[in-house]
């Protein structure tokens, strides 16, 4: 499994601590330095069953400065994926990708259900 995180994100730190407490093996990718590619994001989105807008870090400074709250509804799926791939700081984190699922954000109960 791979976890995409931003090192200075407290929620990411909680997610990593959770994985370590469970004794799970994972690959850590700094979402800013090793951002997911458009192809990866497309796969994650399709596998997740979530709306694509759920992959956006709506509380992030970049999201706000780009005024994406007002623009996302007018963008195509391809345009949204391009934006997400262009800057990892637009991607909601942590993003956990396993062989069977994709989890966006850290919700311990949801993670427990997937990572038994």
PDB file of N, CA and C in Angstrom:
ATOM      1  N   UNK A   1       0.843  -1.183   0.000  1.00  0.00           N
ATOM      2  CA  UNK A   1       0.000   0.000   0.000  1.00  0.00           C
ATOM      3  C   UNK A   1       0.880   1.235   0.000  1.00  0.00           C
ATOM      4  N   UNK A   2       0.318   2.296  -0.528  1.00  0.00           N
ATOM      5  CA  UNK A   2       1.049   3.567  -0.618  1.00  0.00           C
ATOM      6  C   UNK A   2       0.217   4.653   0.039  1.00  0.00           C
ATOM      7  N   UNK A   3       0.895   5.479   0.826  1.00  0.00           N
ATOM      8  CA  UNK A   3       0.223   6.623   1.436  1.00  0.00           C
ATOM      9  C   UNK A   3       0.884   7.894   0.896  1.00  0.00           C
ATOM     10  N   UNK A   4       0.040   8.776   0.395  1.00  0.00           N
ATOM     11  CA  UNK A   4       0.495  10.083  -0.088  1.00  0.00           C
ATOM     12  C   UNK A   4       0.207  11.084   1.017  1.00  0.00           C
ATOM     13  N   UNK A   5       1.248  11.755   1.488  1.00  0.00           N
ATOM     14  CA  UNK A   5       1.115  12.685   2.609  1.00  0.00           C
ATOM     15  C   UNK A   5       1.945  13.939   2.365  1.00  0.00           C
ATOM     16  N   UNK A   6       1.647  14.932   3.161  1.00  0.00           N
ATOM     17  CA  UNK A   6       2.482  16.129   3.233  1.00  0.00           C
ATOM     18  C   UNK A   6       3.101  16.102   4.622  1.00  0.00           C
ATOM     19  N   UNK A   7       4.428  16.122   4.723  1.00  0.00           N
ATOM     20  CA  UNK A   7       5.098  15.954   6.020  1.00  0.00           C
ATOM     21  C   UNK A   7       4.641  16.908   7.120  1.00  0.00           C
ATOM     22  N   UNK A   8       4.206  18.117   6.757  1.00  0.00           N
ATOM     23  CA  UNK A   8       3.808  19.088   7.789  1.00  0.00           C
ATOM     24  C   UNK A   8       2.320  19.032   8.115  1.00  0.00           C
ATOM     25  N   UNK A   9       1.623  18.040   7.601  1.00  0.00           N
ATOM     26  CA  UNK A   9       0.184  17.894   7.819  1.00  0.00           C
ATOM     27  C   UNK A   9      -0.063  17.030   9.054  1.00  0.00           C
ATOM     28  N   UNK A  10      -0.763  17.570  10.045  1.00  0.00           N
ATOM     29  CA  UNK A  10      -1.010  16.823  11.278  1.00  0.00           C
ATOM     30  C   UNK A  10      -1.929  15.624  11.051  1.00  0.00           C
ATOM     31  N   UNK A  11      -2.865  15.734  10.134  1.00  0.00           N
ATOM     32  CA  UNK A  11      -3.754  14.610   9.839  1.00  0.00           C
ATOM     33  C   UNK A  11      -2.963  13.470   9.194  1.00  0.00           C
ATOM     34  N   UNK A  12      -2.017  13.822   8.342  1.00  0.00           N
ATOM     35  CA  UNK A  12      -1.150  12.814   7.730  1.00  0.00           C
ATOM     36  C   UNK A  12      -0.319  12.106   8.801  1.00  0.00           C
ATOM     37  N   UNK A  13       0.182  12.872   9.756  1.00  0.00           N
ATOM     38  CA  UNK A  13       0.972  12.287  10.843  1.00  0.00           C
ATOM     39  C   UNK A  13       0.125  11.292  11.634  1.00  0.00           C
ATOM     40  N   UNK A  14      -1.148  11.616  11.870  1.00  0.00           N
ATOM     41  CA  UNK A  14      -2.049  10.691  12.573  1.00  0.00           C
ATOM     42  C   UNK A  14      -2.266   9.423  11.760  1.00  0.00           C
ATOM     43  N   UNK A  15      -2.411   9.583  10.450  1.00  0.00           N
ATOM     44  CA  UNK A  15      -2.629   8.428   9.577  1.00  0.00           C
ATOM     45  C   UNK A  15      -1.408   7.509   9.568  1.00  0.00           C
ATOM     46  N   UNK A  16      -0.218   8.086   9.489  1.00  0.00           N
ATOM     47  CA  UNK A  16       1.013   7.298   9.502  1.00  0.00           C
ATOM     48  C   UNK A  16       1.159   6.588  10.853  1.00  0.00           C
ATOM     49  N   UNK A  17       0.875   7.295  11.936  1.00  0.00           N
ATOM     50  CA  UNK A  17       0.936   6.679  13.268  1.00  0.00           C
ATOM     51  C   UNK A  17      -0.057   5.518  13.365  1.00  0.00           C
ATOM     52  N   UNK A  18      -1.222   5.671  12.773  1.00  0.00           N
ATOM     53  CA  UNK A  18      -2.234   4.629  12.748  1.00  0.00           C
ATOM     54  C   UNK A  18      -1.693   3.386  12.038  1.00  0.00           C
ATOM     55  N   UNK A  19      -1.113   3.576  10.850  1.00  0.00           N
ATOM     56  CA  UNK A  19      -0.565   2.451  10.096  1.00  0.00           C
ATOM     57  C   UNK A  19       0.544   1.753  10.875  1.00  0.00           C
ATOM     58  N   UNK A  20       1.399   2.547  11.502  1.00  0.00           N
ATOM     59  CA  UNK A  20       2.505   1.971  12.267  1.00  0.00           C
ATOM     60  C   UNK A  20       2.007   1.224  13.498  1.00  0.00           C
ATOM     61  N   UNK A  21       0.995   1.762  14.166  1.00  0.00           N
ATOM     62  CA  UNK A  21       0.430   1.096  15.345  1.00  0.00           C
ATOM     63  C   UNK A  21      -0.188  -0.256  14.965  1.00  0.00           C
ATOM     64  N   UNK A  22      -0.701  -0.347  13.749  1.00  0.00           N
ATOM     65  CA  UNK A  22      -1.292  -1.601  13.254  1.00  0.00           C
ATOM     66  C   UNK A  22      -0.222  -2.549  12.712  1.00  0.00           C
ATOM     67  N   UNK A  23       1.019  -2.070  12.631  1.00  0.00           N
ATOM     68  CA  UNK A  23       2.103  -2.892  12.116  1.00  0.00           C
ATOM     69  C   UNK A  23       2.023  -3.139  10.625  1.00  0.00           C
ATOM     70  N   UNK A  24       1.391  -2.210   9.902  1.00  0.00           N
ATOM     71  CA  UNK A  24       1.213  -2.362   8.459  1.00  0.00           C
ATOM     72  C   UNK A  24       2.411  -1.800   7.693  1.00  0.00           C
ATOM     73  N   UNK A  25       2.770  -2.456   6.628  1.00  0.00           N
ATOM     74  CA  UNK A  25       3.862  -2.025   5.769  1.00  0.00           C
ATOM     75  C   UNK A  25       3.300  -1.116   4.685  1.00  0.00           C
ATOM     76  N   UNK A  26       3.964  -0.009   4.437  1.00  0.00           N
ATOM     77  CA  UNK A  26       3.478   0.945   3.442  1.00  0.00           C
ATOM     78  C   UNK A  26       4.651   1.671   2.800  1.00  0.00           C
ATOM     79  N   UNK A  27       4.365   2.252   1.649  1.00  0.00           N
ATOM     80  CA  UNK A  27       5.316   3.132   0.968  1.00  0.00           C
ATOM     81  C   UNK A  27       4.818   4.552   1.183  1.00  0.00           C
ATOM     82  N   UNK A  28       5.712   5.429   1.610  1.00  0.00           N
ATOM     83  CA  UNK A  28       5.369   6.829   1.882  1.00  0.00           C
ATOM     84  C   UNK A  28       5.804   7.676   0.696  1.00  0.00           C
ATOM     85  N   UNK A  29       4.867   8.468   0.180  1.00  0.00           N
ATOM     86  CA  UNK A  29       5.212   9.427  -0.879  1.00  0.00           C
ATOM     87  C   UNK A  29       4.807  10.823  -0.438  1.00  0.00           C
ATOM     88  N   UNK A  30       5.784  11.710  -0.453  1.00  0.00           N
ATOM     89  CA  UNK A  30       5.533  13.119  -0.151  1.00  0.00           C
ATOM     90  C   UNK A  30       4.739  13.688  -1.321  1.00  0.00           C
ATOM     91  N   UNK A  31       3.510  14.093  -1.058  1.00  0.00           N
ATOM     92  CA  UNK A  31       2.588  14.508  -2.115  1.00  0.00           C
ATOM     93  C   UNK A  31       3.054  15.762  -2.852  1.00  0.00           C
ATOM     94  N   UNK A  32       3.921  16.508  -2.222  1.00  0.00           N
ATOM     95  CA  UNK A  32       4.439  17.715  -2.876  1.00  0.00           C
ATOM     96  C   UNK A  32       5.627  17.386  -3.790  1.00  0.00           C
ATOM     97  N   UNK A  33       6.475  16.474  -3.341  1.00  0.00           N
ATOM     98  CA  UNK A  33       7.685  16.133  -4.090  1.00  0.00           C
ATOM     99  C   UNK A  33       7.482  14.982  -5.076  1.00  0.00           C
ATOM    100  N   UNK A  34       6.638  14.029  -4.714  1.00  0.00           N
ATOM    101  CA  UNK A  34       6.360  12.867  -5.563  1.00  0.00           C
ATOM    102  C   UNK A  34       4.864  12.783  -5.829  1.00  0.00           C
ATOM    103  N   UNK A  35       4.327  13.858  -6.373  1.00  0.00           N
ATOM    104  CA  UNK A  35       2.879  13.931  -6.566  1.00  0.00           C
ATOM    105  C   UNK A  35       2.395  12.824  -7.491  1.00  0.00           C
ATOM    106  N   UNK A  36       1.159  12.402  -7.302  1.00  0.00           N
ATOM    107  CA  UNK A  36       0.614  11.369  -8.182  1.00  0.00           C
ATOM    108  C   UNK A  36       0.426  11.915  -9.594  1.00  0.00           C
ATOM    109  N   UNK A  37       0.676  11.070 -10.569  1.00  0.00           N
ATOM    110  CA  UNK A  37       0.520  11.456 -11.975  1.00  0.00           C
ATOM    111  C   UNK A  37      -0.963  11.489 -12.339  1.00  0.00           C
ATOM    112  N   UNK A  38      -1.252  12.052 -13.471  1.00  0.00           N
ATOM    113  CA  UNK A  38      -2.638  12.094 -13.954  1.00  0.00           C
ATOM    114  C   UNK A  38      -3.172  10.670 -14.129  1.00  0.00           C
ATOM    115  N   UNK A  39      -2.339   9.775 -14.628  1.00  0.00           N
ATOM    116  CA  UNK A  39      -2.745   8.388 -14.827  1.00  0.00           C
ATOM    117  C   UNK A  39      -3.048   7.721 -13.488  1.00  0.00           C
ATOM    118  N   UNK A  40      -2.183   7.956 -12.499  1.00  0.00           N
ATOM    119  CA  UNK A  40      -2.425   7.394 -11.165  1.00  0.00           C
ATOM    120  C   UNK A  40      -3.721   7.955 -10.591  1.00  0.00           C
ATOM    121  N   UNK A  41      -3.893   9.260 -10.671  1.00  0.00           N
ATOM    122  CA  UNK A  41      -5.090   9.891 -10.127  1.00  0.00           C
ATOM    123  C   UNK A  41      -6.360   9.381 -10.812  1.00  0.00           C
ATOM    124  N   UNK A  42      -6.283   9.170 -12.112  1.00  0.00           N
ATOM    125  CA  UNK A  42      -7.425   8.630 -12.846  1.00  0.00           C
ATOM    126  C   UNK A  42      -7.786   7.253 -12.294  1.00  0.00           C
ATOM    127  N   UNK A  43      -6.789   6.429 -12.105  1.00  0.00           N
ATOM    128  CA  UNK A  43      -6.999   5.087 -11.560  1.00  0.00           C
ATOM    129  C   UNK A  43      -7.561   5.151 -10.141  1.00  0.00           C
ATOM    130  N   UNK A  44      -6.973   6.009  -9.303  1.00  0.00           N
ATOM    131  CA  UNK A  44      -7.428   6.135  -7.916  1.00  0.00           C
ATOM    132  C   UNK A  44      -8.886   6.573  -7.878  1.00  0.00           C
ATOM    133  N   UNK A  45      -9.205   7.569  -8.676  1.00  0.00           N
ATOM    134  CA  UNK A  45     -10.564   8.109  -8.739  1.00  0.00           C
ATOM    135  C   UNK A  45     -11.547   7.028  -9.176  1.00  0.00           C
ATOM    136  N   UNK A  46     -11.223   6.315 -10.224  1.00  0.00           N
ATOM    137  CA  UNK A  46     -12.117   5.280 -10.733  1.00  0.00           C
ATOM    138  C   UNK A  46     -12.299   4.144  -9.730  1.00  0.00           C
ATOM    139  N   UNK A  47     -11.251   3.778  -9.054  1.00  0.00           N
ATOM    140  CA  UNK A  47     -11.321   2.694  -8.064  1.00  0.00           C
ATOM    141  C   UNK A  47     -12.031   3.101  -6.787  1.00  0.00           C
ATOM    142  N   UNK A  48     -11.995   4.385  -6.467  1.00  0.00           N
ATOM    143  CA  UNK A  48     -12.530   4.854  -5.183  1.00  0.00           C
ATOM    144  C   UNK A  48     -14.049   4.845  -5.107  1.00  0.00           C
ATOM    145  N   UNK A  49     -14.705   5.063  -6.238  1.00  0.00           N
ATOM    146  CA  UNK A  49     -16.161   5.189  -6.229  1.00  0.00           C
ATOM    147  C   UNK A  49     -16.634   6.547  -5.737  1.00  0.00           C
ATOM    148  N   UNK A  50     -15.708   7.469  -5.520  1.00  0.00           N
ATOM    149  CA  UNK A  50     -16.041   8.801  -5.022  1.00  0.00           C
ATOM    150  C   UNK A  50     -16.192   9.791  -6.169  1.00  0.00           C
ATOM    151  N   UNK A  51     -16.848  10.898  -5.883  1.00  0.00           N
ATOM    152  CA  UNK A  51     -16.874  12.000  -6.844  1.00  0.00           C
ATOM    153  C   UNK A  51     -15.461  12.567  -6.937  1.00  0.00           C
ATOM    154  N   UNK A  52     -15.082  13.012  -8.110  1.00  0.00           N
ATOM    155  CA  UNK A  52     -13.730  13.545  -8.304  1.00  0.00           C
ATOM    156  C   UNK A  52     -13.463  14.756  -7.425  1.00  0.00           C
ATOM    157  N   UNK A  53     -14.481  15.558  -7.169  1.00  0.00           N
ATOM    158  CA  UNK A  53     -14.280  16.748  -6.334  1.00  0.00           C
ATOM    159  C   UNK A  53     -13.842  16.384  -4.912  1.00  0.00           C
ATOM    160  N   UNK A  54     -14.091  15.166  -4.469  1.00  0.00           N
ATOM    161  CA  UNK A  54     -13.666  14.722  -3.135  1.00  0.00           C
ATOM    162  C   UNK A  54     -12.145  14.578  -3.040  1.00  0.00           C
ATOM    163  N   UNK A  55     -11.463  14.562  -4.178  1.00  0.00           N
ATOM    164  CA  UNK A  55     -10.006  14.446  -4.195  1.00  0.00           C
ATOM    165  C   UNK A  55      -9.319  15.796  -4.015  1.00  0.00           C
ATOM    166  N   UNK A  56     -10.086  16.869  -3.984  1.00  0.00           N
ATOM    167  CA  UNK A  56      -9.506  18.204  -3.833  1.00  0.00           C
ATOM    168  C   UNK A  56      -9.373  18.574  -2.360  1.00  0.00           C
ATOM    169  N   UNK A  57      -8.249  19.166  -2.011  1.00  0.00           N
ATOM    170  CA  UNK A  57      -7.980  19.664  -0.667  1.00  0.00           C
ATOM    171  C   UNK A  57      -8.655  21.033  -0.534  1.00  0.00           C
ATOM    172  N   UNK A  58      -9.933  21.015  -0.187  1.00  0.00           N
ATOM    173  CA  UNK A  58     -10.727  22.245  -0.169  1.00  0.00           C
ATOM    174  C   UNK A  58     -10.320  23.218   0.931  1.00  0.00           C
ATOM    175  N   UNK A  59      -9.551  22.756   1.900  1.00  0.00           N
ATOM    176  CA  UNK A  59      -9.108  23.665   2.960  1.00  0.00           C
ATOM    177  C   UNK A  59      -7.715  24.231   2.681  1.00  0.00           C
ATOM    178  N   UNK A  60      -7.125  23.841   1.569  1.00  0.00           N
ATOM    179  CA  UNK A  60      -5.776  24.281   1.251  1.00  0.00           C
ATOM    180  C   UNK A  60      -5.705  25.701   0.712  1.00  0.00           C
ATOM    181  N   UNK A  61      -4.573  26.321   0.940  1.00  0.00           N
ATOM    182  CA  UNK A  61      -4.353  27.697   0.481  1.00  0.00           C
ATOM    183  C   UNK A  61      -4.401  27.805  -1.037  1.00  0.00           C
ATOM    184  N   UNK A  62      -3.829  26.830  -1.723  1.00  0.00           N
ATOM    185  CA  UNK A  62      -3.808  26.875  -3.180  1.00  0.00           C
ATOM    186  C   UNK A  62      -5.223  26.766  -3.756  1.00  0.00           C
ATOM    187  N   UNK A  63      -6.009  25.869  -3.206  1.00  0.00           N
ATOM    188  CA  UNK A  63      -7.407  25.704  -3.632  1.00  0.00           C
ATOM    189  C   UNK A  63      -8.155  27.033  -3.489  1.00  0.00           C
ATOM    190  N   UNK A  64      -7.944  27.675  -2.356  1.00  0.00           N
ATOM    191  CA  UNK A  64      -8.618  28.959  -2.097  1.00  0.00           C
ATOM    192  C   UNK A  64      -8.105  30.061  -3.013  1.00  0.00           C
ATOM    193  N   UNK A  65      -6.785  30.146  -3.168  1.00  0.00           N
ATOM    194  CA  UNK A  65      -6.220  31.224  -3.989  1.00  0.00           C
ATOM    195  C   UNK A  65      -6.622  31.082  -5.462  1.00  0.00           C
ATOM    196  N   UNK A  66      -6.849  29.855  -5.898  1.00  0.00           N
ATOM    197  CA  UNK A  66      -7.278  29.622  -7.276  1.00  0.00           C
ATOM    198  C   UNK A  66      -8.801  29.750  -7.437  1.00  0.00           C
ATOM    199  N   UNK A  67      -9.470  29.999  -6.307  1.00  0.00           N
ATOM    200  CA  UNK A  67     -10.936  30.134  -6.286  1.00  0.00           C
ATOM    201  C   UNK A  67     -11.631  28.941  -6.937  1.00  0.00           C
ATOM    202  N   UNK A  68     -11.128  27.747  -6.620  1.00  0.00           N
ATOM    203  CA  UNK A  68     -11.673  26.539  -7.243  1.00  0.00           C
ATOM    204  C   UNK A  68     -13.077  26.195  -6.760  1.00  0.00           C
ATOM    205  N   UNK A  69     -13.450  26.689  -5.600  1.00  0.00           N
ATOM    206  CA  UNK A  69     -14.804  26.436  -5.110  1.00  0.00           C
ATOM    207  C   UNK A  69     -15.834  26.872  -6.154  1.00  0.00           C
ATOM    208  N   UNK A  70     -15.569  27.993  -6.802  1.00  0.00           N
ATOM    209  CA  UNK A  70     -16.495  28.536  -7.792  1.00  0.00           C
ATOM    210  C   UNK A  70     -16.249  28.005  -9.203  1.00  0.00           C
ATOM    211  N   UNK A  71     -15.097  27.356  -9.422  1.00  0.00           N
ATOM    212  CA  UNK A  71     -14.721  26.942 -10.773  1.00  0.00           C
ATOM    213  C   UNK A  71     -14.886  25.448 -11.053  1.00  0.00           C
ATOM    214  N   UNK A  72     -14.831  24.620 -10.010  1.00  0.00           N
ATOM    215  CA  UNK A  72     -14.833  23.172 -10.225  1.00  0.00           C
ATOM    216  C   UNK A  72     -16.033  22.685 -11.014  1.00  0.00           C
ATOM    217  N   UNK A  73     -17.194  23.228 -10.741  1.00  0.00           N
ATOM    218  CA  UNK A  73     -18.407  22.740 -11.406  1.00  0.00           C
ATOM    219  C   UNK A  73     -18.386  22.976 -12.914  1.00  0.00           C
ATOM    220  N   UNK A  74     -17.581  23.923 -13.367  1.00  0.00           N
ATOM    221  CA  UNK A  74     -17.524  24.210 -14.806  1.00  0.00           C
ATOM    222  C   UNK A  74     -16.368  23.481 -15.502  1.00  0.00           C
ATOM    223  N   UNK A  75     -15.557  22.739 -14.737  1.00  0.00           N
ATOM    224  CA  UNK A  75     -14.419  22.026 -15.315  1.00  0.00           C
ATOM    225  C   UNK A  75     -14.812  20.605 -15.703  1.00  0.00           C
ATOM    226  N   UNK A  76     -14.189  20.113 -16.759  1.00  0.00           N
ATOM    227  CA  UNK A  76     -14.405  18.721 -17.156  1.00  0.00           C
ATOM    228  C   UNK A  76     -13.608  17.811 -16.218  1.00  0.00           C
ATOM    229  N   UNK A  77     -13.921  16.543 -16.258  1.00  0.00           N
ATOM    230  CA  UNK A  77     -13.187  15.559 -15.464  1.00  0.00           C
ATOM    231  C   UNK A  77     -11.701  15.604 -15.826  1.00  0.00           C
ATOM    232  N   UNK A  78     -11.405  15.691 -17.099  1.00  0.00           N
ATOM    233  CA  UNK A  78     -10.020  15.739 -17.559  1.00  0.00           C
ATOM    234  C   UNK A  78      -9.302  16.979 -17.023  1.00  0.00           C
ATOM    235  N   UNK A  79      -9.973  18.117 -17.039  1.00  0.00           N
ATOM    236  CA  UNK A  79      -9.379  19.360 -16.526  1.00  0.00           C
ATOM    237  C   UNK A  79      -9.119  19.260 -15.020  1.00  0.00           C
ATOM    238  N   UNK A  80     -10.041  18.637 -14.300  1.00  0.00           N
ATOM    239  CA  UNK A  80      -9.844  18.463 -12.854  1.00  0.00           C
ATOM    240  C   UNK A  80      -8.657  17.554 -12.574  1.00  0.00           C
ATOM    241  N   UNK A  81      -8.542  16.476 -13.330  1.00  0.00           N
ATOM    242  CA  UNK A  81      -7.416  15.560 -13.149  1.00  0.00           C
ATOM    243  C   UNK A  81      -6.093  16.238 -13.483  1.00  0.00           C
ATOM    244  N   UNK A  82      -6.091  17.080 -14.515  1.00  0.00           N
ATOM    245  CA  UNK A  82      -4.885  17.846 -14.861  1.00  0.00           C
ATOM    246  C   UNK A  82      -4.470  18.757 -13.706  1.00  0.00           C
ATOM    247  N   UNK A  83      -5.437  19.438 -13.116  1.00  0.00           N
ATOM    248  CA  UNK A  83      -5.148  20.327 -11.982  1.00  0.00           C
ATOM    249  C   UNK A  83      -4.558  19.545 -10.815  1.00  0.00           C
ATOM    250  N   UNK A  84      -5.185  18.434 -10.472  1.00  0.00           N
ATOM    251  CA  UNK A  84      -4.709  17.625  -9.350  1.00  0.00           C
ATOM    252  C   UNK A  84      -3.293  17.112  -9.594  1.00  0.00           C
ATOM    253  N   UNK A  85      -3.014  16.731 -10.833  1.00  0.00           N
ATOM    254  CA  UNK A  85      -1.688  16.193 -11.159  1.00  0.00           C
ATOM    255  C   UNK A  85      -0.620  17.279 -11.207  1.00  0.00           C
ATOM    256  N   UNK A  86      -1.028  18.504 -11.466  1.00  0.00           N
ATOM    257  CA  UNK A  86      -0.082  19.606 -11.597  1.00  0.00           C
ATOM    258  C   UNK A  86       0.535  20.004 -10.257  1.00  0.00           C
ATOM    259  N   UNK A  87      -0.240  19.916  -9.191  1.00  0.00           N
ATOM    260  CA  UNK A  87       0.274  20.332  -7.878  1.00  0.00           C
ATOM    261  C   UNK A  87      -0.317  19.447  -6.789  1.00  0.00           C
ATOM    262  N   UNK A  88       0.549  18.698  -6.128  1.00  0.00           N
ATOM    263  CA  UNK A  88       0.115  17.780  -5.076  1.00  0.00           C
ATOM    264  C   UNK A  88      -0.598  18.460  -3.925  1.00  0.00           C
ATOM    265  N   UNK A  89      -0.373  19.757  -3.755  1.00  0.00           N
ATOM    266  CA  UNK A  89      -1.030  20.460  -2.653  1.00  0.00           C
ATOM    267  C   UNK A  89      -2.536  20.641  -2.907  1.00  0.00           C
ATOM    268  N   UNK A  90      -2.984  20.375  -4.113  1.00  0.00           N
ATOM    269  CA  UNK A  90      -4.423  20.424  -4.402  1.00  0.00           C
ATOM    270  C   UNK A  90      -5.126  19.126  -4.020  1.00  0.00           C
ATOM    271  N   UNK A  91      -4.349  18.078  -3.798  1.00  0.00           N
ATOM    272  CA  UNK A  91      -4.918  16.757  -3.512  1.00  0.00           C
ATOM    273  C   UNK A  91      -5.205  16.614  -2.019  1.00  0.00           C
ATOM    274  N   UNK A  92      -6.413  16.158  -1.712  1.00  0.00           N
ATOM    275  CA  UNK A  92      -6.776  15.914  -0.310  1.00  0.00           C
ATOM    276  C   UNK A  92      -5.885  14.804   0.226  1.00  0.00           C
ATOM    277  N   UNK A  93      -5.443  14.990   1.425  1.00  0.00           N
ATOM    278  CA  UNK A  93      -4.537  14.030   2.037  1.00  0.00           C
ATOM    279  C   UNK A  93      -4.962  13.709   3.461  1.00  0.00           C
ATOM    280  N   UNK A  94      -4.497  12.604   3.964  1.00  0.00           N
ATOM    281  CA  UNK A  94      -3.710  11.597   3.276  1.00  0.00           C
ATOM    282  C   UNK A  94      -4.549  10.849   2.238  1.00  0.00           C
ATOM    283  N   UNK A  95      -3.850  10.308   1.280  1.00  0.00           N
ATOM    284  CA  UNK A  95      -4.462   9.497   0.236  1.00  0.00           C
ATOM    285  C   UNK A  95      -3.820   8.122   0.368  1.00  0.00           C
ATOM    286  N   UNK A  96      -4.623   7.129   0.731  1.00  0.00           N
ATOM    287  CA  UNK A  96      -4.106   5.779   0.943  1.00  0.00           C
ATOM    288  C   UNK A  96      -4.607   4.879  -0.178  1.00  0.00           C
ATOM    289  N   UNK A  97      -3.672   4.237  -0.845  1.00  0.00           N
ATOM    290  CA  UNK A  97      -4.001   3.362  -1.962  1.00  0.00           C
ATOM    291  C   UNK A  97      -3.545   1.948  -1.615  1.00  0.00           C
ATOM    292  N   UNK A  98      -4.505   1.037  -1.550  1.00  0.00           N
ATOM    293  CA  UNK A  98      -4.196  -0.375  -1.305  1.00  0.00           C
ATOM    294  C   UNK A  98      -4.535  -1.162  -2.565  1.00  0.00           C
ATOM    295  N   UNK A  99      -4.301  -2.461  -2.534  1.00  0.00           N
ATOM    296  CA  UNK A  99      -4.630  -3.287  -3.694  1.00  0.00           C
ATOM    297  C   UNK A  99      -6.125  -3.300  -3.970  1.00  0.00           C
ATOM    298  N   UNK A 100      -6.920  -3.107  -2.926  1.00  0.00           N
ATOM    299  CA  UNK A 100      -8.372  -3.247  -3.084  1.00  0.00           C
ATOM    300  C   UNK A 100      -9.166  -1.966  -2.906  1.00  0.00           C
ATOM    301  N   UNK A 101      -8.525  -0.899  -2.439  1.00  0.00           N
ATOM    302  CA  UNK A 101      -9.299   0.315  -2.172  1.00  0.00           C
ATOM    303  C   UNK A 101      -8.450   1.576  -2.221  1.00  0.00           C
ATOM    304  N   UNK A 102      -9.162   2.700  -2.247  1.00  0.00           N
ATOM    305  CA  UNK A 102      -8.535   4.023  -2.210  1.00  0.00           C
ATOM    306  C   UNK A 102      -9.285   4.818  -1.149  1.00  0.00           C
ATOM    307  N   UNK A 103      -8.546   5.315  -0.167  1.00  0.00           N
ATOM    308  CA  UNK A 103      -9.140   6.106   0.915  1.00  0.00           C
ATOM    309  C   UNK A 103      -8.619   7.529   0.839  1.00  0.00           C
ATOM    310  N   UNK A 104      -9.538   8.481   0.863  1.00  0.00           N
ATOM    311  CA  UNK A 104      -9.191   9.904   0.758  1.00  0.00           C
ATOM    312  C   UNK A 104      -9.488  10.569   2.093  1.00  0.00           C
ATOM    313  N   UNK A 105      -8.464  11.161   2.709  1.00  0.00           N
ATOM    314  CA  UNK A 105      -8.625  11.739   4.040  1.00  0.00           C
ATOM    315  C   UNK A 105      -8.495  10.644   5.087  1.00  0.00           C
ATOM    316  N   UNK A 106      -8.334  11.043   6.334  1.00  0.00           N
ATOM    317  CA  UNK A 106      -8.176  10.055   7.404  1.00  0.00           C
ATOM    318  C   UNK A 106      -9.417  10.018   8.271  1.00  0.00           C
ATOM    319  N   UNK A 107     -10.107   8.899   8.203  1.00  0.00           N
ATOM    320  CA  UNK A 107     -11.259   8.621   9.048  1.00  0.00           C
ATOM    321  C   UNK A 107     -11.000   7.238   9.628  1.00  0.00           C
ATOM    322  N   UNK A 108     -10.651   7.196  10.915  1.00  0.00           N
ATOM    323  CA  UNK A 108     -10.204   5.951  11.519  1.00  0.00           C
ATOM    324  C   UNK A 108     -11.213   4.808  11.345  1.00  0.00           C
ATOM    325  N   UNK A 109     -12.492   5.091  11.462  1.00  0.00           N
ATOM    326  CA  UNK A 109     -13.495   4.034  11.304  1.00  0.00           C
ATOM    327  C   UNK A 109     -13.509   3.481   9.884  1.00  0.00           C
ATOM    328  N   UNK A 110     -13.400   4.341   8.902  1.00  0.00           N
ATOM    329  CA  UNK A 110     -13.357   3.874   7.507  1.00  0.00           C
ATOM    330  C   UNK A 110     -12.075   3.082   7.246  1.00  0.00           C
ATOM    331  N   UNK A 111     -10.973   3.575   7.801  1.00  0.00           N
ATOM    332  CA  UNK A 111      -9.717   2.868   7.605  1.00  0.00           C
ATOM    333  C   UNK A 111      -9.763   1.510   8.290  1.00  0.00           C
ATOM    334  N   UNK A 112     -10.370   1.443   9.498  1.00  0.00           N
ATOM    335  CA  UNK A 112     -10.511   0.168  10.203  1.00  0.00           C
ATOM    336  C   UNK A 112     -11.294  -0.838   9.354  1.00  0.00           C
ATOM    337  N   UNK A 113     -12.347  -0.373   8.710  1.00  0.00           N
ATOM    338  CA  UNK A 113     -13.181  -1.260   7.906  1.00  0.00           C
ATOM    339  C   UNK A 113     -12.411  -1.844   6.724  1.00  0.00           C
ATOM    340  N   UNK A 114     -11.498  -1.078   6.171  1.00  0.00           N
ATOM    341  CA  UNK A 114     -10.731  -1.526   4.998  1.00  0.00           C
ATOM    342  C   UNK A 114      -9.479  -2.284   5.388  1.00  0.00           C
ATOM    343  N   UNK A 115      -8.851  -1.881   6.478  1.00  0.00           N
ATOM    344  CA  UNK A 115      -7.533  -2.431   6.865  1.00  0.00           C
ATOM    345  C   UNK A 115      -7.587  -3.418   8.013  1.00  0.00           C
ATOM    346  N   UNK A 116      -8.589  -4.185   8.089  1.00  0.00           N
ATOM    347  CA  UNK A 116      -8.745  -5.163   9.201  1.00  0.00           C
ATOM    348  C   UNK A 116      -7.562  -6.049   9.365  1.00  0.00           C
TER     349      UNK A 116
END
